[in-house]
PDB file of all heavy atoms in Angstrom:
ATOM      1  N   ILE A   1     -31.530  13.518 -15.684  1.00  0.00           N
ATOM      2  CA  ILE A   1     -31.809  12.397 -14.791  1.00  0.00           C
ATOM      3  C   ILE A   1     -30.507  12.002 -14.108  1.00  0.00           C
ATOM      4  O   ILE A   1     -29.488  11.771 -14.769  1.00  0.00           O
ATOM      5  CB  ILE A   1     -32.427  11.199 -15.561  1.00  0.00           C
ATOM      6  CG1 ILE A   1     -32.595   9.981 -14.648  1.00  0.00           C
ATOM      7  CG2 ILE A   1     -31.634  10.853 -16.802  1.00  0.00           C
ATOM      8  CD1 ILE A   1     -33.700  10.113 -13.624  1.00  0.00           C
ATOM      9  N   PHE A   2     -30.537  11.961 -12.764  1.00  0.00           N
ATOM     10  CA  PHE A   2     -29.331  11.673 -11.996  1.00  0.00           C
ATOM     11  C   PHE A   2     -29.496  10.384 -11.194  1.00  0.00           C
ATOM     12  O   PHE A   2     -30.590  10.063 -10.726  1.00  0.00           O
ATOM     13  CB  PHE A   2     -29.024  12.826 -11.039  1.00  0.00           C
ATOM     14  CG  PHE A   2     -28.720  14.119 -11.730  1.00  0.00           C
ATOM     15  CD1 PHE A   2     -29.657  15.149 -11.756  1.00  0.00           C
ATOM     16  CD2 PHE A   2     -27.508  14.312 -12.373  1.00  0.00           C
ATOM     17  CE1 PHE A   2     -29.384  16.355 -12.393  1.00  0.00           C
ATOM     18  CE2 PHE A   2     -27.219  15.513 -13.021  1.00  0.00           C
ATOM     19  CZ  PHE A   2     -28.161  16.529 -13.033  1.00  0.00           C
ATOM     20  N   LEU A   3     -28.383   9.671 -11.048  1.00  0.00           N
ATOM     21  CA  LEU A   3     -28.371   8.462 -10.231  1.00  0.00           C
ATOM     22  C   LEU A   3     -28.124   8.885  -8.787  1.00  0.00           C
ATOM     23  O   LEU A   3     -26.979   8.982  -8.339  1.00  0.00           O
ATOM     24  CB  LEU A   3     -27.274   7.516 -10.726  1.00  0.00           C
ATOM     25  CG  LEU A   3     -27.261   6.102 -10.119  1.00  0.00           C
ATOM     26  CD1 LEU A   3     -28.515   5.348 -10.501  1.00  0.00           C
ATOM     27  CD2 LEU A   3     -26.020   5.345 -10.560  1.00  0.00           C
ATOM     28  N   GLN A   4     -29.213   9.176  -8.087  1.00  0.00           N
ATOM     29  CA  GLN A   4     -29.115   9.684  -6.721  1.00  0.00           C
ATOM     30  C   GLN A   4     -30.239   9.106  -5.863  1.00  0.00           C
ATOM     31  O   GLN A   4     -31.215   8.557  -6.365  1.00  0.00           O
ATOM     32  CB  GLN A   4     -29.188  11.222  -6.716  1.00  0.00           C
ATOM     33  CG  GLN A   4     -27.992  11.899  -7.368  1.00  0.00           C
ATOM     34  CD  GLN A   4     -28.137  13.413  -7.441  1.00  0.00           C
ATOM     35  OE1 GLN A   4     -29.042  13.996  -6.842  1.00  0.00           O
ATOM     36  NE2 GLN A   4     -27.250  14.058  -8.179  1.00  0.00           N
ATOM     37  N   ASP A   5     -30.073   9.272  -4.564  1.00  0.00           N
ATOM     38  CA  ASP A   5     -31.023   8.790  -3.571  1.00  0.00           C
ATOM     39  C   ASP A   5     -32.057   9.879  -3.298  1.00  0.00           C
ATOM     40  O   ASP A   5     -31.690  11.028  -3.026  1.00  0.00           O
ATOM     41  CB  ASP A   5     -30.264   8.447  -2.287  1.00  0.00           C
ATOM     42  CG  ASP A   5     -31.093   7.674  -1.280  1.00  0.00           C
ATOM     43  OD1 ASP A   5     -32.295   7.967  -1.146  1.00  0.00           O
ATOM     44  OD2 ASP A   5     -30.525   6.793  -0.610  1.00  0.00           O
ATOM     45  N   ALA A   6     -33.337   9.534  -3.346  1.00  0.00           N
ATOM     46  CA  ALA A   6     -34.403  10.512  -3.116  1.00  0.00           C
ATOM     47  C   ALA A   6     -34.335  11.128  -1.728  1.00  0.00           C
ATOM     48  O   ALA A   6     -34.858  12.214  -1.498  1.00  0.00           O
ATOM     49  CB  ALA A   6     -35.765   9.838  -3.312  1.00  0.00           C
ATOM     50  N   ARG A   7     -33.680  10.445  -0.809  1.00  0.00           N
ATOM     51  CA  ARG A   7     -33.578  10.962   0.557  1.00  0.00           C
ATOM     52  C   ARG A   7     -32.531  12.060   0.689  1.00  0.00           C
ATOM     53  O   ARG A   7     -32.551  12.819   1.658  1.00  0.00           O
ATOM     54  CB  ARG A   7     -33.246   9.810   1.521  1.00  0.00           C
ATOM     55  CG  ARG A   7     -34.354   8.786   1.663  1.00  0.00           C
ATOM     56  CD  ARG A   7     -33.865   7.501   2.286  1.00  0.00           C
ATOM     57  NE  ARG A   7     -33.005   6.740   1.373  1.00  0.00           N
ATOM     58  CZ  ARG A   7     -32.624   5.479   1.566  1.00  0.00           C
ATOM     59  NH1 ARG A   7     -33.039   4.833   2.651  1.00  0.00           N
ATOM     60  NH2 ARG A   7     -31.851   4.861   0.688  1.00  0.00           N
ATOM     61  N   LYS A   8     -31.608  12.118  -0.283  1.00  0.00           N
ATOM     62  CA  LYS A   8     -30.534  13.110  -0.212  1.00  0.00           C
ATOM     63  C   LYS A   8     -30.027  13.369  -1.627  1.00  0.00           C
ATOM     64  O   LYS A   8     -29.108  12.695  -2.096  1.00  0.00           O
ATOM     65  CB  LYS A   8     -29.396  12.619   0.687  1.00  0.00           C
ATOM     66  CG  LYS A   8     -28.330  13.682   0.957  1.00  0.00           C
ATOM     67  CD  LYS A   8     -27.304  13.154   1.953  1.00  0.00           C
ATOM     68  CE  LYS A   8     -26.182  14.143   2.193  1.00  0.00           C
ATOM     69  NZ  LYS A   8     -26.661  15.446   2.725  1.00  0.00           N
ATOM     70  N   THR A   9     -30.612  14.331  -2.294  1.00  0.00           N
ATOM     71  CA  THR A   9     -30.242  14.634  -3.672  1.00  0.00           C
ATOM     72  C   THR A   9     -29.255  15.798  -3.711  1.00  0.00           C
ATOM     73  O   THR A   9     -28.976  16.431  -2.695  1.00  0.00           O
ATOM     74  CB  THR A   9     -31.483  15.007  -4.517  1.00  0.00           C
ATOM     75  OG1 THR A   9     -31.896  16.343  -4.177  1.00  0.00           O
ATOM     76  CG2 THR A   9     -32.628  14.049  -4.273  1.00  0.00           C
ATOM     77  N   GLU A  10     -28.754  16.070  -4.905  1.00  0.00           N
ATOM     78  CA  GLU A  10     -27.854  17.210  -5.104  1.00  0.00           C
ATOM     79  C   GLU A  10     -28.586  18.382  -5.763  1.00  0.00           C
ATOM     80  O   GLU A  10     -27.952  19.328  -6.238  1.00  0.00           O
ATOM     81  CB  GLU A  10     -26.649  16.778  -5.939  1.00  0.00           C
ATOM     82  CG  GLU A  10     -25.784  15.742  -5.227  1.00  0.00           C
ATOM     83  CD  GLU A  10     -24.620  15.262  -6.068  1.00  0.00           C
ATOM     84  OE1 GLU A  10     -24.301  15.925  -7.079  1.00  0.00           O
ATOM     85  OE2 GLU A  10     -24.032  14.210  -5.729  1.00  0.00           O
ATOM     86  N   ILE A  11     -29.912  18.318  -5.797  1.00  0.00           N
ATOM     87  CA  ILE A  11     -30.696  19.427  -6.354  1.00  0.00           C
ATOM     88  C   ILE A  11     -30.564  20.644  -5.436  1.00  0.00           C
ATOM     89  O   ILE A  11     -30.599  20.520  -4.209  1.00  0.00           O
ATOM     90  CB  ILE A  11     -32.181  19.017  -6.490  1.00  0.00           C
ATOM     91  CG1 ILE A  11     -32.304  17.810  -7.429  1.00  0.00           C
ATOM     92  CG2 ILE A  11     -33.018  20.178  -7.024  1.00  0.00           C
ATOM     93  CD1 ILE A  11     -33.706  17.222  -7.491  1.00  0.00           C
ATOM     94  N   GLU A  12     -30.424  21.816  -6.011  1.00  0.00           N
ATOM     95  CA  GLU A  12     -30.201  23.034  -5.232  1.00  0.00           C
ATOM     96  C   GLU A  12     -31.421  23.404  -4.387  1.00  0.00           C
ATOM     97  O   GLU A  12     -32.565  23.129  -4.762  1.00  0.00           O
ATOM     98  CB  GLU A  12     -29.858  24.197  -6.163  1.00  0.00           C
ATOM     99  CG  GLU A  12     -28.521  24.059  -6.866  1.00  0.00           C
ATOM    100  CD  GLU A  12     -28.208  25.266  -7.734  1.00  0.00           C
ATOM    101  OE1 GLU A  12     -28.973  26.260  -7.679  1.00  0.00           O
ATOM    102  OE2 GLU A  12     -27.202  25.215  -8.464  1.00  0.00           O
ATOM    103  N   ASP A  13     -31.170  24.047  -3.279  1.00  0.00           N
ATOM    104  CA  ASP A  13     -32.239  24.548  -2.412  1.00  0.00           C
ATOM    105  C   ASP A  13     -33.164  25.482  -3.201  1.00  0.00           C
ATOM    106  O   ASP A  13     -32.696  26.302  -4.014  1.00  0.00           O
ATOM    107  CB  ASP A  13     -31.667  25.353  -1.243  1.00  0.00           C
ATOM    108  CG  ASP A  13     -30.889  24.498  -0.257  1.00  0.00           C
ATOM    109  OD1 ASP A  13     -30.807  23.283  -0.471  1.00  0.00           O
ATOM    110  OD2 ASP A  13     -30.341  25.072   0.709  1.00  0.00           O
ATOM    111  N   SER A  14     -34.455  25.375  -2.950  1.00  0.00           N
ATOM    112  CA  SER A  14     -35.454  26.319  -3.482  1.00  0.00           C
ATOM    113  C   SER A  14     -35.310  26.565  -4.989  1.00  0.00           C
ATOM    114  O   SER A  14     -35.474  27.685  -5.467  1.00  0.00           O
ATOM    115  CB  SER A  14     -35.355  27.661  -2.735  1.00  0.00           C
ATOM    116  OG  SER A  14     -35.471  27.475  -1.343  1.00  0.00           O
ATOM    117  N   SER A  15     -35.029  25.501  -5.742  1.00  0.00           N
ATOM    118  CA  SER A  15     -34.819  25.647  -7.187  1.00  0.00           C
ATOM    119  C   SER A  15     -35.939  25.038  -8.030  1.00  0.00           C
ATOM    120  O   SER A  15     -35.956  25.194  -9.242  1.00  0.00           O
ATOM    121  CB  SER A  15     -33.491  24.986  -7.584  1.00  0.00           C
ATOM    122  OG  SER A  15     -33.513  23.590  -7.300  1.00  0.00           O
ATOM    123  N   ILE A  16     -36.871  24.368  -7.370  1.00  0.00           N
ATOM    124  CA  ILE A  16     -37.905  23.613  -8.079  1.00  0.00           C
ATOM    125  C   ILE A  16     -39.281  24.266  -7.888  1.00  0.00           C
ATOM    126  O   ILE A  16     -39.645  24.645  -6.778  1.00  0.00           O
ATOM    127  CB  ILE A  16     -37.950  22.151  -7.579  1.00  0.00           C
ATOM    128  CG1 ILE A  16     -36.590  21.471  -7.777  1.00  0.00           C
ATOM    129  CG2 ILE A  16     -39.062  21.369  -8.253  1.00  0.00           C
ATOM    130  CD1 ILE A  16     -36.119  21.391  -9.216  1.00  0.00           C
ATOM    131  N   SER A  17     -40.029  24.385  -8.975  1.00  0.00           N
ATOM    132  CA  SER A  17     -41.374  24.970  -8.906  1.00  0.00           C
ATOM    133  C   SER A  17     -42.407  23.931  -8.465  1.00  0.00           C
ATOM    134  O   SER A  17     -43.304  24.226  -7.669  1.00  0.00           O
ATOM    135  CB  SER A  17     -41.778  25.521 -10.273  1.00  0.00           C
ATOM    136  OG  SER A  17     -40.773  26.316 -10.833  1.00  0.00           O
ATOM    137  N   THR A  18     -42.277  22.700  -9.005  1.00  0.00           N
ATOM    138  CA  THR A  18     -43.285  21.662  -8.776  1.00  0.00           C
ATOM    139  C   THR A  18     -42.624  20.298  -8.684  1.00  0.00           C
ATOM    140  O   THR A  18     -41.794  19.953  -9.533  1.00  0.00           O
ATOM    141  CB  THR A  18     -44.313  21.631  -9.926  1.00  0.00           C
ATOM    142  OG1 THR A  18     -44.836  22.946 -10.132  1.00  0.00           O
ATOM    143  CG2 THR A  18     -45.447  20.683  -9.629  1.00  0.00           C
ATOM    144  N   VAL A  19     -42.993  19.545  -7.671  1.00  0.00           N
ATOM    145  CA  VAL A  19     -42.575  18.136  -7.570  1.00  0.00           C
ATOM    146  C   VAL A  19     -43.766  17.268  -7.967  1.00  0.00           C
ATOM    147  O   VAL A  19     -44.877  17.455  -7.464  1.00  0.00           O
ATOM    148  CB  VAL A  19     -42.125  17.773  -6.140  1.00  0.00           C
ATOM    149  CG1 VAL A  19     -41.923  16.261  -6.009  1.00  0.00           C
ATOM    150  CG2 VAL A  19     -40.847  18.513  -5.772  1.00  0.00           C
ATOM    151  N   ILE A  20     -43.534  16.348  -8.893  1.00  0.00           N
ATOM    152  CA  ILE A  20     -44.559  15.378  -9.296  1.00  0.00           C
ATOM    153  C   ILE A  20     -43.917  14.009  -9.195  1.00  0.00           C
ATOM    154  O   ILE A  20     -42.972  13.707  -9.917  1.00  0.00           O
ATOM    155  CB  ILE A  20     -45.056  15.611 -10.735  1.00  0.00           C
ATOM    156  CG1 ILE A  20     -45.538  17.047 -10.924  1.00  0.00           C
ATOM    157  CG2 ILE A  20     -46.164  14.626 -11.084  1.00  0.00           C
ATOM    158  CD1 ILE A  20     -45.879  17.387 -12.377  1.00  0.00           C
ATOM    159  N   THR A  21     -44.414  13.170  -8.281  1.00  0.00           N
ATOM    160  CA  THR A  21     -43.758  11.886  -8.074  1.00  0.00           C
ATOM    161  C   THR A  21     -44.729  10.841  -7.556  1.00  0.00           C
ATOM    162  O   THR A  21     -45.793  11.168  -7.014  1.00  0.00           O
ATOM    163  CB  THR A  21     -42.565  12.041  -7.100  1.00  0.00           C
ATOM    164  OG1 THR A  21     -41.725  10.903  -7.195  1.00  0.00           O
ATOM    165  CG2 THR A  21     -43.040  12.232  -5.659  1.00  0.00           C
ATOM    166  N   SER A  22     -44.347   9.582  -7.729  1.00  0.00           N
ATOM    167  CA  SER A  22     -45.121   8.459  -7.204  1.00  0.00           C
ATOM    168  C   SER A  22     -44.154   7.527  -6.494  1.00  0.00           C
ATOM    169  O   SER A  22     -43.438   6.760  -7.145  1.00  0.00           O
ATOM    170  CB  SER A  22     -45.846   7.728  -8.337  1.00  0.00           C
ATOM    171  OG  SER A  22     -46.656   6.684  -7.819  1.00  0.00           O
ATOM    172  N   PRO A  23     -44.104   7.585  -5.165  1.00  0.00           N
ATOM    173  CA  PRO A  23     -43.138   6.771  -4.412  1.00  0.00           C
ATOM    174  C   PRO A  23     -43.464   5.282  -4.520  1.00  0.00           C
ATOM    175  O   PRO A  23     -44.610   4.896  -4.798  1.00  0.00           O
ATOM    176  CB  PRO A  23     -43.323   7.248  -2.967  1.00  0.00           C
ATOM    177  CG  PRO A  23     -44.111   8.511  -3.050  1.00  0.00           C
ATOM    178  CD  PRO A  23     -44.933   8.408  -4.281  1.00  0.00           C
ATOM    179  N   PRO A  24     -42.479   4.423  -4.289  1.00  0.00           N
ATOM    180  CA  PRO A  24     -42.764   2.987  -4.221  1.00  0.00           C
ATOM    181  C   PRO A  24     -43.683   2.704  -3.039  1.00  0.00           C
ATOM    182  O   PRO A  24     -43.609   3.391  -2.016  1.00  0.00           O
ATOM    183  CB  PRO A  24     -41.387   2.359  -4.019  1.00  0.00           C
ATOM    184  CG  PRO A  24     -40.572   3.444  -3.382  1.00  0.00           C
ATOM    185  CD  PRO A  24     -41.072   4.725  -3.986  1.00  0.00           C
ATOM    186  N   TYR A  25     -44.529   1.713  -3.193  1.00  0.00           N
ATOM    187  CA  TYR A  25     -45.407   1.325  -2.090  1.00  0.00           C
ATOM    188  C   TYR A  25     -44.587   0.632  -1.009  1.00  0.00           C
ATOM    189  O   TYR A  25     -43.518   0.084  -1.272  1.00  0.00           O
ATOM    190  CB  TYR A  25     -46.498   0.379  -2.579  1.00  0.00           C
ATOM    191  CG  TYR A  25     -47.644   1.048  -3.307  1.00  0.00           C
ATOM    192  CD1 TYR A  25     -47.464   2.197  -4.062  1.00  0.00           C
ATOM    193  CD2 TYR A  25     -48.925   0.497  -3.245  1.00  0.00           C
ATOM    194  CE1 TYR A  25     -48.515   2.792  -4.732  1.00  0.00           C
ATOM    195  CE2 TYR A  25     -49.989   1.091  -3.909  1.00  0.00           C
ATOM    196  CZ  TYR A  25     -49.776   2.234  -4.655  1.00  0.00           C
ATOM    197  OH  TYR A  25     -50.822   2.824  -5.322  1.00  0.00           O
ATOM    198  N   VAL A  26     -45.135   0.613   0.206  1.00  0.00           N
ATOM    199  CA  VAL A  26     -44.458  -0.062   1.307  1.00  0.00           C
ATOM    200  C   VAL A  26     -44.343  -1.558   1.020  1.00  0.00           C
ATOM    201  O   VAL A  26     -43.406  -2.220   1.462  1.00  0.00           O
ATOM    202  CB  VAL A  26     -45.180   0.201   2.644  1.00  0.00           C
ATOM    203  CG1 VAL A  26     -46.584  -0.368   2.643  1.00  0.00           C
ATOM    204  CG2 VAL A  26     -44.377  -0.342   3.810  1.00  0.00           C
ATOM    205  N   THR A  27     -45.262  -2.108   0.273  1.00  0.00           N
ATOM    206  CA  THR A  27     -45.193  -3.522  -0.128  1.00  0.00           C
ATOM    207  C   THR A  27     -44.893  -3.590  -1.617  1.00  0.00           C
ATOM    208  O   THR A  27     -45.521  -4.330  -2.366  1.00  0.00           O
ATOM    209  CB  THR A  27     -46.526  -4.244   0.175  1.00  0.00           C
ATOM    210  OG1 THR A  27     -47.593  -3.524  -0.443  1.00  0.00           O
ATOM    211  CG2 THR A  27     -46.767  -4.326   1.649  1.00  0.00           C
ATOM    212  N   SER A  28     -43.930  -2.805  -2.041  1.00  0.00           N
ATOM    213  CA  SER A  28     -43.693  -2.605  -3.466  1.00  0.00           C
ATOM    214  C   SER A  28     -43.008  -3.788  -4.122  1.00  0.00           C
ATOM    215  O   SER A  28     -42.521  -4.705  -3.475  1.00  0.00           O
ATOM    216  CB  SER A  28     -42.824  -1.360  -3.677  1.00  0.00           C
ATOM    217  OG  SER A  28     -41.505  -1.626  -3.240  1.00  0.00           O
ATOM    218  N   TYR A  29     -42.972  -3.710  -5.453  1.00  0.00           N
ATOM    219  CA  TYR A  29     -42.157  -4.628  -6.223  1.00  0.00           C
ATOM    220  C   TYR A  29     -40.701  -4.457  -5.800  1.00  0.00           C
ATOM    221  O   TYR A  29     -40.273  -3.370  -5.435  1.00  0.00           O
ATOM    222  CB  TYR A  29     -42.253  -4.295  -7.716  1.00  0.00           C
ATOM    223  CG  TYR A  29     -43.616  -4.410  -8.326  1.00  0.00           C
ATOM    224  CD1 TYR A  29     -44.413  -3.293  -8.481  1.00  0.00           C
ATOM    225  CD2 TYR A  29     -44.088  -5.633  -8.769  1.00  0.00           C
ATOM    226  CE1 TYR A  29     -45.661  -3.377  -9.068  1.00  0.00           C
ATOM    227  CE2 TYR A  29     -45.337  -5.742  -9.362  1.00  0.00           C
ATOM    228  CZ  TYR A  29     -46.123  -4.612  -9.510  1.00  0.00           C
ATOM    229  OH  TYR A  29     -47.361  -4.718 -10.085  1.00  0.00           O
ATOM    230  N   GLU A  30     -39.923  -5.544  -5.884  1.00  0.00           N
ATOM    231  CA  GLU A  30     -38.491  -5.445  -5.645  1.00  0.00           C
ATOM    232  C   GLU A  30     -37.824  -5.035  -6.955  1.00  0.00           C
ATOM    233  O   GLU A  30     -37.472  -5.861  -7.795  1.00  0.00           O
ATOM    234  CB  GLU A  30     -37.953  -6.787  -5.131  1.00  0.00           C
ATOM    235  CG  GLU A  30     -38.457  -7.173  -3.745  1.00  0.00           C
ATOM    236  CD  GLU A  30     -37.983  -6.205  -2.659  1.00  0.00           C
ATOM    237  OE1 GLU A  30     -37.017  -5.465  -2.896  1.00  0.00           O
ATOM    238  OE2 GLU A  30     -38.590  -6.189  -1.580  1.00  0.00           O
ATOM    239  N   TYR A  31     -37.677  -3.733  -7.138  1.00  0.00           N
ATOM    240  CA  TYR A  31     -37.156  -3.214  -8.403  1.00  0.00           C
ATOM    241  C   TYR A  31     -35.763  -3.752  -8.712  1.00  0.00           C
ATOM    242  O   TYR A  31     -35.422  -3.987  -9.870  1.00  0.00           O
ATOM    243  CB  TYR A  31     -37.146  -1.680  -8.379  1.00  0.00           C
ATOM    244  CG  TYR A  31     -38.522  -1.079  -8.464  1.00  0.00           C
ATOM    245  CD1 TYR A  31     -39.247  -0.770  -7.321  1.00  0.00           C
ATOM    246  CD2 TYR A  31     -39.114  -0.829  -9.698  1.00  0.00           C
ATOM    247  CE1 TYR A  31     -40.521  -0.230  -7.394  1.00  0.00           C
ATOM    248  CE2 TYR A  31     -40.383  -0.286  -9.785  1.00  0.00           C
ATOM    249  CZ  TYR A  31     -41.079   0.011  -8.629  1.00  0.00           C
ATOM    250  OH  TYR A  31     -42.351   0.537  -8.701  1.00  0.00           O
ATOM    251  N   ALA A  32     -34.951  -3.930  -7.682  1.00  0.00           N
ATOM    252  CA  ALA A  32     -33.603  -4.456  -7.908  1.00  0.00           C
ATOM    253  C   ALA A  32     -33.673  -5.848  -8.532  1.00  0.00           C
ATOM    254  O   ALA A  32     -32.936  -6.164  -9.471  1.00  0.00           O
ATOM    255  CB  ALA A  32     -32.839  -4.494  -6.586  1.00  0.00           C
ATOM    256  N   ASP A  33     -34.567  -6.682  -8.019  1.00  0.00           N
ATOM    257  CA  ASP A  33     -34.719  -8.037  -8.559  1.00  0.00           C
ATOM    258  C   ASP A  33     -35.260  -8.001  -9.981  1.00  0.00           C
ATOM    259  O   ASP A  33     -34.808  -8.742 -10.857  1.00  0.00           O
ATOM    260  CB  ASP A  33     -35.681  -8.849  -7.682  1.00  0.00           C
ATOM    261  CG  ASP A  33     -35.031  -9.295  -6.377  1.00  0.00           C
ATOM    262  OD1 ASP A  33     -34.023  -8.668  -5.990  1.00  0.00           O
ATOM    263  OD2 ASP A  33     -35.520 -10.248  -5.759  1.00  0.00           O
ATOM    264  N   LEU A  34     -36.238  -7.144 -10.214  1.00  0.00           N
ATOM    265  CA  LEU A  34     -36.908  -7.109 -11.514  1.00  0.00           C
ATOM    266  C   LEU A  34     -35.975  -6.657 -12.631  1.00  0.00           C
ATOM    267  O   LEU A  34     -36.161  -7.038 -13.782  1.00  0.00           O
ATOM    268  CB  LEU A  34     -38.126  -6.184 -11.452  1.00  0.00           C
ATOM    269  CG  LEU A  34     -39.252  -6.636 -10.529  1.00  0.00           C
ATOM    270  CD1 LEU A  34     -40.392  -5.642 -10.565  1.00  0.00           C
ATOM    271  CD2 LEU A  34     -39.756  -8.016 -10.909  1.00  0.00           C
ATOM    272  N   HIS A  35     -34.990  -5.858 -12.295  1.00  0.00           N
ATOM    273  CA  HIS A  35     -34.075  -5.340 -13.315  1.00  0.00           C
ATOM    274  C   HIS A  35     -32.716  -6.034 -13.284  1.00  0.00           C
ATOM    275  O   HIS A  35     -31.734  -5.512 -13.814  1.00  0.00           O
ATOM    276  CB  HIS A  35     -33.905  -3.827 -13.132  1.00  0.00           C
ATOM    277  CG  HIS A  35     -35.160  -3.064 -13.414  1.00  0.00           C
ATOM    278  ND1 HIS A  35     -35.606  -2.038 -12.619  1.00  0.00           N
ATOM    279  CD2 HIS A  35     -36.066  -3.188 -14.414  1.00  0.00           C
ATOM    280  CE1 HIS A  35     -36.743  -1.564 -13.112  1.00  0.00           C
ATOM    281  NE2 HIS A  35     -37.041  -2.247 -14.192  1.00  0.00           N
ATOM    282  N   GLN A  36     -32.679  -7.207 -12.687  1.00  0.00           N
ATOM    283  CA  GLN A  36     -31.386  -7.877 -12.542  1.00  0.00           C
ATOM    284  C   GLN A  36     -30.809  -8.341 -13.871  1.00  0.00           C
ATOM    285  O   GLN A  36     -29.579  -8.376 -14.040  1.00  0.00           O
ATOM    286  CB  GLN A  36     -31.494  -9.063 -11.579  1.00  0.00           C
ATOM    287  CG  GLN A  36     -32.434 -10.165 -12.013  1.00  0.00           C
ATOM    288  CD  GLN A  36     -32.494 -11.288 -10.998  1.00  0.00           C
ATOM    289  OE1 GLN A  36     -31.654 -12.172 -11.014  1.00  0.00           O
ATOM    290  NE2 GLN A  36     -33.478 -11.243 -10.109  1.00  0.00           N
ATOM    291  N   LEU A  37     -31.653  -8.688 -14.850  1.00  0.00           N
ATOM    292  CA  LEU A  37     -31.119  -9.147 -16.136  1.00  0.00           C
ATOM    293  C   LEU A  37     -30.275  -8.057 -16.789  1.00  0.00           C
ATOM    294  O   LEU A  37     -29.146  -8.295 -17.216  1.00  0.00           O
ATOM    295  CB  LEU A  37     -32.254  -9.575 -17.065  1.00  0.00           C
ATOM    296  CG  LEU A  37     -33.158 -10.716 -16.590  1.00  0.00           C
ATOM    297  CD1 LEU A  37     -34.184 -11.070 -17.668  1.00  0.00           C
ATOM    298  CD2 LEU A  37     -32.340 -11.945 -16.216  1.00  0.00           C
ATOM    299  N   THR A  38     -30.836  -6.850 -16.849  1.00  0.00           N
ATOM    300  CA  THR A  38     -30.081  -5.716 -17.395  1.00  0.00           C
ATOM    301  C   THR A  38     -28.887  -5.403 -16.501  1.00  0.00           C
ATOM    302  O   THR A  38     -27.790  -5.110 -16.987  1.00  0.00           O
ATOM    303  CB  THR A  38     -30.977  -4.476 -17.516  1.00  0.00           C
ATOM    304  OG1 THR A  38     -32.101  -4.799 -18.342  1.00  0.00           O
ATOM    305  CG2 THR A  38     -30.221  -3.307 -18.130  1.00  0.00           C
ATOM    306  N   GLY A  39     -29.102  -5.479 -15.209  1.00  0.00           N
ATOM    307  CA  GLY A  39     -28.024  -5.197 -14.264  1.00  0.00           C
ATOM    308  C   GLY A  39     -26.819  -6.100 -14.478  1.00  0.00           C
ATOM    309  O   GLY A  39     -25.667  -5.635 -14.458  1.00  0.00           O
ATOM    310  N   TYR A  40     -27.069  -7.385 -14.697  1.00  0.00           N
ATOM    311  CA  TYR A  40     -25.972  -8.323 -14.923  1.00  0.00           C
ATOM    312  C   TYR A  40     -25.304  -8.106 -16.280  1.00  0.00           C
ATOM    313  O   TYR A  40     -24.080  -8.085 -16.392  1.00  0.00           O
ATOM    314  CB  TYR A  40     -26.484  -9.764 -14.843  1.00  0.00           C
ATOM    315  CG  TYR A  40     -26.908 -10.207 -13.465  1.00  0.00           C
ATOM    316  CD1 TYR A  40     -28.051 -10.985 -13.280  1.00  0.00           C
ATOM    317  CD2 TYR A  40     -26.166  -9.861 -12.330  1.00  0.00           C
ATOM    318  CE1 TYR A  40     -28.441 -11.409 -12.021  1.00  0.00           C
ATOM    319  CE2 TYR A  40     -26.561 -10.265 -11.064  1.00  0.00           C
ATOM    320  CZ  TYR A  40     -27.700 -11.040 -10.919  1.00  0.00           C
ATOM    321  OH  TYR A  40     -28.087 -11.446  -9.668  1.00  0.00           O
ATOM    322  N   TRP A  41     -26.108  -7.942 -17.320  1.00  0.00           N
ATOM    323  CA  TRP A  41     -25.544  -7.798 -18.667  1.00  0.00           C
ATOM    324  C   TRP A  41     -24.773  -6.499 -18.831  1.00  0.00           C
ATOM    325  O   TRP A  41     -23.746  -6.445 -19.500  1.00  0.00           O
ATOM    326  CB  TRP A  41     -26.663  -7.874 -19.712  1.00  0.00           C
ATOM    327  CG  TRP A  41     -26.957  -9.276 -20.154  1.00  0.00           C
ATOM    328  CD1 TRP A  41     -28.079 -10.011 -19.894  1.00  0.00           C
ATOM    329  CD2 TRP A  41     -26.105 -10.136 -20.928  1.00  0.00           C
ATOM    330  NE1 TRP A  41     -27.987 -11.260 -20.451  1.00  0.00           N
ATOM    331  CE2 TRP A  41     -26.782 -11.370 -21.095  1.00  0.00           C
ATOM    332  CE3 TRP A  41     -24.845  -9.984 -21.494  1.00  0.00           C
ATOM    333  CZ2 TRP A  41     -26.244 -12.443 -21.806  1.00  0.00           C
ATOM    334  CZ3 TRP A  41     -24.297 -11.048 -22.203  1.00  0.00           C
ATOM    335  CH2 TRP A  41     -24.992 -12.263 -22.358  1.00  0.00           C
ATOM    336  N   PHE A  42     -25.272  -5.418 -18.242  1.00  0.00           N
ATOM    337  CA  PHE A  42     -24.643  -4.107 -18.424  1.00  0.00           C
ATOM    338  C   PHE A  42     -23.655  -3.781 -17.308  1.00  0.00           C
ATOM    339  O   PHE A  42     -23.190  -2.654 -17.191  1.00  0.00           O
ATOM    340  CB  PHE A  42     -25.711  -3.018 -18.500  1.00  0.00           C
ATOM    341  CG  PHE A  42     -26.611  -3.108 -19.709  1.00  0.00           C
ATOM    342  CD1 PHE A  42     -26.540  -4.159 -20.612  1.00  0.00           C
ATOM    343  CD2 PHE A  42     -27.554  -2.124 -19.947  1.00  0.00           C
ATOM    344  CE1 PHE A  42     -27.374  -4.233 -21.720  1.00  0.00           C
ATOM    345  CE2 PHE A  42     -28.399  -2.179 -21.056  1.00  0.00           C
ATOM    346  CZ  PHE A  42     -28.301  -3.247 -21.940  1.00  0.00           C
ATOM    347  N   ASP A  43     -23.384  -4.780 -16.462  1.00  0.00           N
ATOM    348  CA  ASP A  43     -22.410  -4.634 -15.363  1.00  0.00           C
ATOM    349  C   ASP A  43     -22.792  -3.558 -14.355  1.00  0.00           C
ATOM    350  O   ASP A  43     -21.938  -2.899 -13.762  1.00  0.00           O
ATOM    351  CB  ASP A  43     -21.000  -4.343 -15.922  1.00  0.00           C
ATOM    352  CG  ASP A  43     -20.478  -5.484 -16.790  1.00  0.00           C
ATOM    353  OD1 ASP A  43     -20.702  -6.648 -16.416  1.00  0.00           O
ATOM    354  OD2 ASP A  43     -19.866  -5.209 -17.842  1.00  0.00           O
TER     355      ASP A  43
END
């Protein structure tokens, strides 16, 4: 698991057999806000 942006990853070209994913909705939860407690405590 890498801390990277889905729009531009470091995964190699043509290296993956199957992508399985569920993108955030356009009216999605604000994940940054929801995880702020851990974000603050863990710096």
